[in-house]
Amino acid sequence: MTDLSGWLNFYVLVGTSAGALIGLQFVVMTLIASMPPPQGAAQAGNAFSTPTVVHFGVVLLLSAVGCAPWNGTDAVAALWGLLGLAGVGYILLVAQRLRRQTVYQPVFEDRLFHIFLPLTAYALLSGSAWAAFSQPRPALFFVGAAALLLLFVGIHNAWDTVIYHVFGMRQEQREDERPP
């Protein structure tokens, strides 16, 4: 298949990055686990940390699918569509979890990077499935854009989580340790 074969280097680069970042996310979470957890930390983890790993996993899956030796775009487009629709559903679940958790009060940036941008990426991925049947070349760029958007969202969210735990949580711990 000539359309997808030109994307091999892109998917190798993006997939390798996503795989490495998944591993790094586990290392960071292991280090953060040594800190005393605040009440409701599991709820916050489901709203903030788990989606980051899911986004990296989706990028890794898109990369594997993009590197597979397909004979045409029909089967891969169907996979894009299913993955995009599942992602939209997952982001709706994340939005509920974000509202229900009580550890942290989300601000605009949190909604942007945890709901709006991932929703855009998954909708773009789903839409690329429809476009692939009539315009396969532009559809491949839409899939690439969705993968990059999820990768950058994941990087931002992972960094944001680390900054919150390292600086925000440590500051709260220091304040709790001060004598009255």
N, C-alpha and C. Protein backbone atom coordinates (compact mmCIF):
# COMPACT_ATOMS: atom_id res chain seq x y z
N MET A 1 0.84 -1.18 0.00
CA MET A 1 0.00 0.00 0.00
C MET A 1 0.89 1.24 0.00
N THR A 2 0.80 2.03 -1.03
CA THR A 2 1.72 3.16 -1.17
C THR A 2 1.37 4.34 -0.26
N ASP A 3 0.08 4.59 0.00
CA ASP A 3 -0.29 5.73 0.84
C ASP A 3 0.31 5.64 2.24
N LEU A 4 0.18 4.51 2.87
CA LEU A 4 0.62 4.34 4.26
C LEU A 4 2.12 4.09 4.37
N SER A 5 2.73 3.54 3.33
CA SER A 5 4.15 3.20 3.41
C SER A 5 5.04 4.43 3.60
N GLY A 6 4.62 5.58 3.13
CA GLY A 6 5.40 6.80 3.31
C GLY A 6 5.40 7.31 4.73
N TRP A 7 4.56 6.74 5.57
CA TRP A 7 4.42 7.19 6.96
C TRP A 7 5.22 6.34 7.95
N LEU A 8 5.98 5.39 7.47
CA LEU A 8 6.69 4.47 8.35
C LEU A 8 7.60 5.20 9.34
N ASN A 9 8.44 6.11 8.87
CA ASN A 9 9.35 6.83 9.76
C ASN A 9 8.59 7.64 10.80
N PHE A 10 7.49 8.29 10.39
CA PHE A 10 6.67 9.05 11.33
C PHE A 10 6.16 8.16 12.45
N TYR A 11 5.59 7.02 12.10
CA TYR A 11 5.01 6.14 13.11
C TYR A 11 6.08 5.47 13.98
N VAL A 12 7.23 5.19 13.41
CA VAL A 12 8.32 4.64 14.23
C VAL A 12 8.75 5.67 15.27
N LEU A 13 8.90 6.92 14.86
CA LEU A 13 9.31 7.98 15.78
C LEU A 13 8.25 8.24 16.84
N VAL A 14 7.01 8.41 16.42
CA VAL A 14 5.93 8.71 17.35
C VAL A 14 5.65 7.53 18.28
N GLY A 15 5.63 6.33 17.73
CA GLY A 15 5.37 5.14 18.54
C GLY A 15 6.47 4.88 19.56
N THR A 16 7.71 5.07 19.16
CA THR A 16 8.83 4.90 20.08
C THR A 16 8.74 5.92 21.22
N SER A 17 8.41 7.15 20.86
CA SER A 17 8.25 8.19 21.88
C SER A 17 7.13 7.83 22.85
N ALA A 18 6.00 7.41 22.33
CA ALA A 18 4.87 7.05 23.19
C ALA A 18 5.22 5.87 24.11
N GLY A 19 5.88 4.87 23.57
CA GLY A 19 6.28 3.72 24.39
C GLY A 19 7.24 4.12 25.50
N ALA A 20 8.21 4.95 25.17
CA ALA A 20 9.16 5.41 26.20
C ALA A 20 8.46 6.25 27.26
N LEU A 21 7.51 7.09 26.84
CA LEU A 21 6.80 7.93 27.80
C LEU A 21 5.86 7.12 28.69
N ILE A 22 5.33 6.03 28.18
CA ILE A 22 4.52 5.14 29.04
C ILE A 22 5.41 4.59 30.15
N GLY A 23 6.59 4.11 29.79
CA GLY A 23 7.52 3.60 30.80
C GLY A 23 7.93 4.66 31.79
N LEU A 24 8.20 5.85 31.31
CA LEU A 24 8.60 6.96 32.18
C LEU A 24 7.45 7.32 33.13
N GLN A 25 6.22 7.27 32.62
CA GLN A 25 5.06 7.58 33.46
C GLN A 25 4.97 6.60 34.63
N PHE A 26 5.25 5.32 34.37
CA PHE A 26 5.23 4.33 35.45
C PHE A 26 6.34 4.58 36.47
N VAL A 27 7.50 4.98 35.99
CA VAL A 27 8.61 5.29 36.90
C VAL A 27 8.24 6.48 37.78
N VAL A 28 7.70 7.52 37.18
CA VAL A 28 7.32 8.71 37.94
C VAL A 28 6.24 8.37 38.97
N MET A 29 5.24 7.60 38.56
CA MET A 29 4.17 7.23 39.49
C MET A 29 4.70 6.38 40.64
N THR A 30 5.68 5.55 40.36
CA THR A 30 6.30 4.75 41.42
C THR A 30 7.02 5.65 42.42
N LEU A 31 7.73 6.65 41.93
CA LEU A 31 8.42 7.58 42.82
C LEU A 31 7.43 8.43 43.61
N ILE A 32 6.36 8.87 42.97
CA ILE A 32 5.35 9.68 43.64
C ILE A 32 4.61 8.85 44.69
N ALA A 33 4.51 7.56 44.45
CA ALA A 33 3.78 6.68 45.38
C ALA A 33 4.41 6.67 46.76
N SER A 34 5.68 7.04 46.87
CA SER A 34 6.33 7.06 48.18
C SER A 34 5.89 8.25 49.03
N MET A 35 5.24 9.21 48.39
CA MET A 35 4.73 10.37 49.13
C MET A 35 3.38 10.01 49.75
N PRO A 36 3.05 10.58 50.90
CA PRO A 36 1.75 10.27 51.50
C PRO A 36 0.62 10.76 50.60
N PRO A 37 -0.32 9.86 50.26
CA PRO A 37 -1.40 10.27 49.36
C PRO A 37 -2.45 11.12 50.07
N PRO A 38 -2.95 12.14 49.39
CA PRO A 38 -4.05 12.91 49.98
C PRO A 38 -5.34 12.11 49.90
N GLN A 39 -6.32 12.50 50.68
CA GLN A 39 -7.61 11.82 50.65
C GLN A 39 -8.24 12.03 49.27
N GLY A 40 -8.75 10.95 48.67
CA GLY A 40 -9.37 11.03 47.35
C GLY A 40 -8.37 10.92 46.21
N ALA A 41 -7.14 10.49 46.50
CA ALA A 41 -6.10 10.42 45.47
C ALA A 41 -6.46 9.46 44.35
N ALA A 42 -7.16 8.37 44.66
CA ALA A 42 -7.53 7.41 43.62
C ALA A 42 -8.48 8.05 42.61
N GLN A 43 -9.42 8.84 43.10
CA GLN A 43 -10.34 9.55 42.20
C GLN A 43 -9.56 10.49 41.29
N ALA A 44 -8.64 11.23 41.86
CA ALA A 44 -7.85 12.17 41.08
C ALA A 44 -6.97 11.43 40.06
N GLY A 45 -6.42 10.29 40.46
CA GLY A 45 -5.61 9.50 39.54
C GLY A 45 -6.40 9.04 38.33
N ASN A 46 -7.65 8.62 38.57
CA ASN A 46 -8.52 8.20 37.46
C ASN A 46 -8.86 9.37 36.53
N ALA A 47 -8.88 10.56 37.07
CA ALA A 47 -9.22 11.74 36.28
C ALA A 47 -8.01 12.35 35.58
N PHE A 48 -6.84 12.26 36.21
CA PHE A 48 -5.67 12.97 35.68
C PHE A 48 -4.58 12.05 35.14
N SER A 49 -4.19 11.02 35.87
CA SER A 49 -3.03 10.22 35.47
C SER A 49 -3.38 9.09 34.50
N THR A 50 -4.44 8.38 34.76
CA THR A 50 -4.81 7.26 33.90
C THR A 50 -5.03 7.70 32.45
N PRO A 51 -5.75 8.81 32.20
CA PRO A 51 -5.92 9.22 30.80
C PRO A 51 -4.60 9.49 30.08
N THR A 52 -3.60 9.95 30.80
CA THR A 52 -2.30 10.20 30.17
C THR A 52 -1.71 8.92 29.63
N VAL A 53 -1.76 7.86 30.41
CA VAL A 53 -1.25 6.56 29.95
C VAL A 53 -2.11 6.04 28.80
N VAL A 54 -3.41 6.25 28.87
CA VAL A 54 -4.30 5.82 27.79
C VAL A 54 -3.94 6.55 26.49
N HIS A 55 -3.72 7.87 26.56
CA HIS A 55 -3.36 8.62 25.35
C HIS A 55 -2.05 8.12 24.76
N PHE A 56 -1.05 7.89 25.62
CA PHE A 56 0.22 7.34 25.12
C PHE A 56 0.00 5.97 24.50
N GLY A 57 -0.85 5.16 25.12
CA GLY A 57 -1.16 3.83 24.59
C GLY A 57 -1.84 3.90 23.23
N VAL A 58 -2.74 4.85 23.06
CA VAL A 58 -3.42 5.02 21.78
C VAL A 58 -2.41 5.43 20.70
N VAL A 59 -1.49 6.32 21.03
CA VAL A 59 -0.46 6.72 20.07
C VAL A 59 0.40 5.51 19.70
N LEU A 60 0.75 4.71 20.68
CA LEU A 60 1.53 3.49 20.41
C LEU A 60 0.74 2.55 19.50
N LEU A 61 -0.55 2.37 19.78
CA LEU A 61 -1.39 1.51 18.95
C LEU A 61 -1.52 2.07 17.53
N LEU A 62 -1.75 3.38 17.40
CA LEU A 62 -1.82 3.98 16.07
C LEU A 62 -0.52 3.77 15.30
N SER A 63 0.59 3.85 16.00
CA SER A 63 1.88 3.64 15.36
C SER A 63 2.05 2.20 14.89
N ALA A 64 1.63 1.26 15.71
CA ALA A 64 1.72 -0.14 15.31
C ALA A 64 0.81 -0.41 14.11
N VAL A 65 -0.39 0.15 14.16
CA VAL A 65 -1.32 -0.02 13.03
C VAL A 65 -0.76 0.64 11.78
N GLY A 66 -0.14 1.81 11.94
CA GLY A 66 0.43 2.52 10.81
C GLY A 66 1.63 1.83 10.19
N CYS A 67 2.31 1.01 10.96
CA CYS A 67 3.49 0.30 10.45
C CYS A 67 3.16 -1.08 9.89
N ALA A 68 1.94 -1.55 10.12
CA ALA A 68 1.54 -2.89 9.64
C ALA A 68 1.43 -2.88 8.12
N PRO A 69 1.68 -4.02 7.50
CA PRO A 69 1.64 -4.10 6.03
C PRO A 69 0.22 -4.29 5.49
N TRP A 70 -0.57 -3.24 5.49
CA TRP A 70 -1.95 -3.30 5.01
C TRP A 70 -1.98 -3.36 3.48
N ASN A 71 -3.02 -4.00 2.95
CA ASN A 71 -3.20 -4.05 1.50
C ASN A 71 -4.03 -2.87 0.98
N GLY A 72 -4.69 -2.17 1.87
CA GLY A 72 -5.51 -1.03 1.49
C GLY A 72 -5.86 -0.23 2.73
N THR A 73 -6.62 0.82 2.54
CA THR A 73 -6.95 1.68 3.68
C THR A 73 -8.26 1.30 4.38
N ASP A 74 -9.06 0.41 3.79
CA ASP A 74 -10.38 0.11 4.36
C ASP A 74 -10.30 -0.45 5.78
N ALA A 75 -9.50 -1.47 5.98
CA ALA A 75 -9.41 -2.10 7.31
C ALA A 75 -8.79 -1.15 8.34
N VAL A 76 -7.74 -0.46 7.96
CA VAL A 76 -7.08 0.45 8.89
C VAL A 76 -8.00 1.64 9.19
N ALA A 77 -8.77 2.09 8.22
CA ALA A 77 -9.73 3.18 8.44
C ALA A 77 -10.80 2.75 9.44
N ALA A 78 -11.24 1.52 9.33
CA ALA A 78 -12.24 1.01 10.29
C ALA A 78 -11.66 1.01 11.70
N LEU A 79 -10.40 0.64 11.84
CA LEU A 79 -9.74 0.67 13.15
C LEU A 79 -9.62 2.10 13.67
N TRP A 80 -9.28 3.04 12.81
CA TRP A 80 -9.22 4.45 13.21
C TRP A 80 -10.56 4.91 13.73
N GLY A 81 -11.61 4.55 12.99
CA GLY A 81 -12.96 4.96 13.39
C GLY A 81 -13.36 4.40 14.74
N LEU A 82 -13.11 3.11 14.94
CA LEU A 82 -13.44 2.49 16.23
C LEU A 82 -12.64 3.10 17.36
N LEU A 83 -11.36 3.30 17.14
CA LEU A 83 -10.50 3.89 18.16
C LEU A 83 -10.92 5.33 18.46
N GLY A 84 -11.28 6.08 17.43
CA GLY A 84 -11.74 7.45 17.62
C GLY A 84 -13.04 7.51 18.41
N LEU A 85 -13.99 6.66 18.07
CA LEU A 85 -15.27 6.64 18.80
C LEU A 85 -15.07 6.20 20.24
N ALA A 86 -14.24 5.18 20.45
CA ALA A 86 -13.95 4.73 21.82
C ALA A 86 -13.27 5.85 22.61
N GLY A 87 -12.38 6.59 21.95
CA GLY A 87 -11.70 7.70 22.60
C GLY A 87 -12.65 8.81 23.00
N VAL A 88 -13.61 9.12 22.13
CA VAL A 88 -14.60 10.14 22.46
C VAL A 88 -15.39 9.71 23.70
N GLY A 89 -15.81 8.45 23.72
CA GLY A 89 -16.52 7.93 24.89
C GLY A 89 -15.68 7.98 26.14
N TYR A 90 -14.41 7.65 26.00
CA TYR A 90 -13.51 7.68 27.16
C TYR A 90 -13.34 9.10 27.69
N ILE A 91 -13.23 10.07 26.81
CA ILE A 91 -13.06 11.46 27.25
C ILE A 91 -14.32 11.94 27.98
N LEU A 92 -15.48 11.50 27.55
CA LEU A 92 -16.71 11.84 28.29
C LEU A 92 -16.66 11.27 29.70
N LEU A 93 -16.14 10.06 29.84
CA LEU A 93 -15.95 9.46 31.16
C LEU A 93 -14.92 10.25 31.98
N VAL A 94 -13.83 10.65 31.35
CA VAL A 94 -12.80 11.46 32.03
C VAL A 94 -13.40 12.77 32.52
N ALA A 95 -14.25 13.39 31.69
CA ALA A 95 -14.89 14.65 32.09
C ALA A 95 -15.74 14.45 33.35
N GLN A 96 -16.45 13.34 33.43
CA GLN A 96 -17.23 13.03 34.64
C GLN A 96 -16.30 12.85 35.83
N ARG A 97 -15.23 12.11 35.64
CA ARG A 97 -14.28 11.87 36.73
C ARG A 97 -13.63 13.16 37.20
N LEU A 98 -13.35 14.05 36.25
CA LEU A 98 -12.75 15.33 36.59
C LEU A 98 -13.68 16.15 37.48
N ARG A 99 -14.97 16.11 37.15
CA ARG A 99 -15.96 16.85 37.95
C ARG A 99 -16.16 16.22 39.33
N ARG A 100 -16.10 14.88 39.43
CA ARG A 100 -16.40 14.20 40.70
C ARG A 100 -15.25 14.20 41.69
N GLN A 101 -14.02 14.24 41.22
CA GLN A 101 -12.89 14.18 42.14
C GLN A 101 -12.84 15.46 42.97
N THR A 102 -12.36 15.31 44.21
CA THR A 102 -12.39 16.44 45.15
C THR A 102 -11.00 16.86 45.63
N VAL A 103 -9.95 16.22 45.14
CA VAL A 103 -8.59 16.52 45.60
C VAL A 103 -8.10 17.86 45.04
N TYR A 104 -8.50 18.16 43.85
CA TYR A 104 -7.95 19.32 43.13
C TYR A 104 -9.09 20.00 42.37
N GLN A 105 -9.11 21.32 42.42
CA GLN A 105 -10.11 22.10 41.69
C GLN A 105 -9.58 22.41 40.29
N PRO A 106 -10.12 21.76 39.24
CA PRO A 106 -9.61 22.00 37.89
C PRO A 106 -9.80 23.45 37.44
N VAL A 107 -8.83 23.92 36.67
CA VAL A 107 -8.88 25.25 36.08
C VAL A 107 -9.03 25.10 34.56
N PHE A 108 -9.08 26.21 33.84
CA PHE A 108 -9.29 26.16 32.40
C PHE A 108 -8.25 25.28 31.70
N GLU A 109 -6.98 25.43 32.07
CA GLU A 109 -5.91 24.65 31.44
C GLU A 109 -6.15 23.15 31.61
N ASP A 110 -6.64 22.74 32.77
CA ASP A 110 -6.93 21.33 32.99
C ASP A 110 -8.03 20.83 32.06
N ARG A 111 -9.07 21.62 31.93
CA ARG A 111 -10.17 21.24 31.02
C ARG A 111 -9.69 21.21 29.57
N LEU A 112 -8.82 22.15 29.21
CA LEU A 112 -8.28 22.20 27.86
C LEU A 112 -7.48 20.94 27.54
N PHE A 113 -6.56 20.57 28.45
CA PHE A 113 -5.65 19.46 28.17
C PHE A 113 -6.19 18.09 28.56
N HIS A 114 -7.20 18.03 29.38
CA HIS A 114 -7.75 16.73 29.78
C HIS A 114 -9.06 16.40 29.09
N ILE A 115 -9.73 17.43 28.55
CA ILE A 115 -11.02 17.17 27.90
C ILE A 115 -11.02 17.67 26.45
N PHE A 116 -10.88 18.98 26.25
CA PHE A 116 -11.08 19.56 24.93
C PHE A 116 -10.07 19.04 23.88
N LEU A 117 -8.78 19.13 24.15
CA LEU A 117 -7.78 18.71 23.16
C LEU A 117 -7.83 17.20 22.89
N PRO A 118 -7.92 16.33 23.92
CA PRO A 118 -8.06 14.91 23.60
C PRO A 118 -9.35 14.60 22.83
N LEU A 119 -10.45 15.28 23.20
CA LEU A 119 -11.70 15.08 22.48
C LEU A 119 -11.53 15.48 21.01
N THR A 120 -10.83 16.57 20.77
CA THR A 120 -10.54 17.01 19.40
C THR A 120 -9.73 15.95 18.66
N ALA A 121 -8.71 15.40 19.32
CA ALA A 121 -7.87 14.39 18.68
C ALA A 121 -8.67 13.13 18.34
N TYR A 122 -9.49 12.67 19.27
CA TYR A 122 -10.27 11.46 19.01
C TYR A 122 -11.35 11.70 17.95
N ALA A 123 -11.95 12.89 17.95
CA ALA A 123 -12.94 13.22 16.92
C ALA A 123 -12.25 13.31 15.54
N LEU A 124 -11.05 13.87 15.51
CA LEU A 124 -10.27 13.94 14.28
C LEU A 124 -9.93 12.54 13.78
N LEU A 125 -9.56 11.68 14.69
CA LEU A 125 -9.26 10.30 14.34
C LEU A 125 -10.49 9.59 13.78
N SER A 126 -11.62 9.79 14.43
CA SER A 126 -12.86 9.19 13.95
C SER A 126 -13.25 9.75 12.58
N GLY A 127 -13.13 11.05 12.43
CA GLY A 127 -13.44 11.67 11.14
C GLY A 127 -12.51 11.23 10.03
N SER A 128 -11.27 10.94 10.37
CA SER A 128 -10.32 10.50 9.35
C SER A 128 -10.72 9.15 8.77
N ALA A 129 -11.43 8.36 9.57
CA ALA A 129 -11.90 7.06 9.07
C ALA A 129 -12.87 7.26 7.92
N TRP A 130 -13.77 8.24 8.07
CA TRP A 130 -14.73 8.52 6.99
C TRP A 130 -14.00 9.12 5.79
N ALA A 131 -13.06 10.00 6.04
CA ALA A 131 -12.34 10.65 4.95
C ALA A 131 -11.49 9.65 4.17
N ALA A 132 -11.02 8.60 4.83
CA ALA A 132 -10.11 7.64 4.18
C ALA A 132 -10.76 6.93 3.01
N PHE A 133 -12.07 6.79 3.03
CA PHE A 133 -12.74 6.08 1.94
C PHE A 133 -12.77 6.89 0.64
N SER A 134 -12.77 8.22 0.76
CA SER A 134 -12.79 9.04 -0.45
C SER A 134 -11.49 9.80 -0.68
N GLN A 135 -10.81 10.16 0.41
CA GLN A 135 -9.56 10.94 0.33
C GLN A 135 -8.51 10.34 1.26
N PRO A 136 -7.90 9.23 0.88
CA PRO A 136 -6.97 8.57 1.81
C PRO A 136 -5.74 9.40 2.19
N ARG A 137 -5.21 10.16 1.27
CA ARG A 137 -4.00 10.94 1.59
C ARG A 137 -4.27 11.99 2.67
N PRO A 138 -5.26 12.85 2.55
CA PRO A 138 -5.54 13.79 3.65
C PRO A 138 -5.91 13.09 4.95
N ALA A 139 -6.60 11.96 4.85
CA ALA A 139 -6.97 11.21 6.06
C ALA A 139 -5.74 10.78 6.84
N LEU A 140 -4.69 10.41 6.13
CA LEU A 140 -3.45 10.01 6.80
C LEU A 140 -2.84 11.19 7.57
N PHE A 141 -2.96 12.38 7.03
CA PHE A 141 -2.46 13.57 7.74
C PHE A 141 -3.32 13.85 8.98
N PHE A 142 -4.62 13.61 8.87
CA PHE A 142 -5.50 13.79 10.03
C PHE A 142 -5.15 12.80 11.14
N VAL A 143 -4.87 11.57 10.77
CA VAL A 143 -4.47 10.56 11.77
C VAL A 143 -3.14 10.96 12.40
N GLY A 144 -2.20 11.41 11.57
CA GLY A 144 -0.92 11.88 12.10
C GLY A 144 -1.09 13.05 13.05
N ALA A 145 -1.97 13.97 12.69
CA ALA A 145 -2.24 15.13 13.56
C ALA A 145 -2.86 14.68 14.87
N ALA A 146 -3.79 13.74 14.82
CA ALA A 146 -4.43 13.22 16.04
C ALA A 146 -3.40 12.54 16.93
N ALA A 147 -2.51 11.75 16.33
CA ALA A 147 -1.48 11.06 17.11
C ALA A 147 -0.54 12.07 17.77
N LEU A 148 -0.11 13.07 17.03
CA LEU A 148 0.77 14.08 17.61
C LEU A 148 0.07 14.88 18.70
N LEU A 149 -1.20 15.21 18.49
CA LEU A 149 -1.93 15.95 19.50
C LEU A 149 -2.04 15.14 20.78
N LEU A 150 -2.35 13.86 20.66
CA LEU A 150 -2.42 13.01 21.86
C LEU A 150 -1.06 12.87 22.53
N LEU A 151 0.00 12.78 21.74
CA LEU A 151 1.34 12.69 22.31
C LEU A 151 1.69 13.96 23.08
N PHE A 152 1.43 15.12 22.48
CA PHE A 152 1.75 16.39 23.16
C PHE A 152 0.85 16.63 24.37
N VAL A 153 -0.41 16.25 24.28
CA VAL A 153 -1.31 16.35 25.44
C VAL A 153 -0.79 15.47 26.57
N GLY A 154 -0.38 14.25 26.23
CA GLY A 154 0.17 13.35 27.24
C GLY A 154 1.43 13.90 27.88
N ILE A 155 2.31 14.47 27.08
CA ILE A 155 3.53 15.07 27.63
C ILE A 155 3.18 16.21 28.58
N HIS A 156 2.28 17.09 28.15
CA HIS A 156 1.86 18.19 29.01
C HIS A 156 1.26 17.67 30.31
N ASN A 157 0.35 16.72 30.22
CA ASN A 157 -0.35 16.23 31.41
C ASN A 157 0.59 15.48 32.35
N ALA A 158 1.53 14.73 31.80
CA ALA A 158 2.50 14.04 32.65
C ALA A 158 3.37 15.06 33.39
N TRP A 159 3.83 16.07 32.68
CA TRP A 159 4.64 17.12 33.30
C TRP A 159 3.83 17.85 34.36
N ASP A 160 2.60 18.18 34.05
CA ASP A 160 1.73 18.87 34.99
C ASP A 160 1.54 18.06 36.27
N THR A 161 1.37 16.76 36.12
CA THR A 161 1.20 15.88 37.28
C THR A 161 2.45 15.88 38.15
N VAL A 162 3.61 15.78 37.50
CA VAL A 162 4.87 15.78 38.25
C VAL A 162 5.04 17.11 39.00
N ILE A 163 4.80 18.20 38.32
CA ILE A 163 4.94 19.52 38.95
C ILE A 163 3.99 19.65 40.13
N TYR A 164 2.77 19.21 39.98
CA TYR A 164 1.79 19.28 41.07
C TYR A 164 2.27 18.48 42.28
N HIS A 165 2.73 17.26 42.03
CA HIS A 165 3.15 16.40 43.15
C HIS A 165 4.45 16.89 43.78
N VAL A 166 5.38 17.31 42.97
CA VAL A 166 6.67 17.72 43.52
C VAL A 166 6.57 19.05 44.26
N PHE A 167 5.91 20.03 43.66
CA PHE A 167 5.87 21.35 44.28
C PHE A 167 4.60 21.58 45.10
N GLY A 168 3.45 21.27 44.56
CA GLY A 168 2.20 21.51 45.27
C GLY A 168 2.03 20.64 46.49
N MET A 169 2.24 19.35 46.34
CA MET A 169 2.07 18.42 47.46
C MET A 169 3.15 18.63 48.52
N ARG A 170 4.37 18.86 48.09
CA ARG A 170 5.45 19.09 49.07
C ARG A 170 5.19 20.35 49.88
N GLN A 171 4.69 21.39 49.23
CA GLN A 171 4.37 22.63 49.94
C GLN A 171 3.28 22.36 50.98
N GLU A 172 2.25 21.59 50.60
CA GLU A 172 1.18 21.25 51.55
C GLU A 172 1.74 20.43 52.72
N GLN A 173 2.66 19.50 52.43
CA GLN A 173 3.26 18.68 53.49
C GLN A 173 4.07 19.55 54.44
N ARG A 174 4.82 20.50 53.89
CA ARG A 174 5.62 21.39 54.75
C ARG A 174 4.72 22.22 55.64
N GLU A 175 3.63 22.70 55.10
CA GLU A 175 2.69 23.50 55.90
C GLU A 175 2.05 22.66 57.00
N ASP A 176 1.77 21.37 56.70
CA ASP A 176 1.19 20.48 57.70
C ASP A 176 2.18 20.14 58.82
N GLU A 177 3.49 20.14 58.48
CA GLU A 177 4.51 19.77 59.45
C GLU A 177 4.89 20.94 60.37
N ARG A 178 4.52 22.16 60.02
CA ARG A 178 4.88 23.32 60.86
C ARG A 178 4.14 23.25 62.18
N PRO A 179 4.85 23.62 63.26
CA PRO A 179 4.18 23.63 64.55
C PRO A 179 3.14 24.75 64.61
N PRO A 180 2.03 24.52 65.32
CA PRO A 180 0.98 25.54 65.38
C PRO A 180 1.37 26.78 66.12
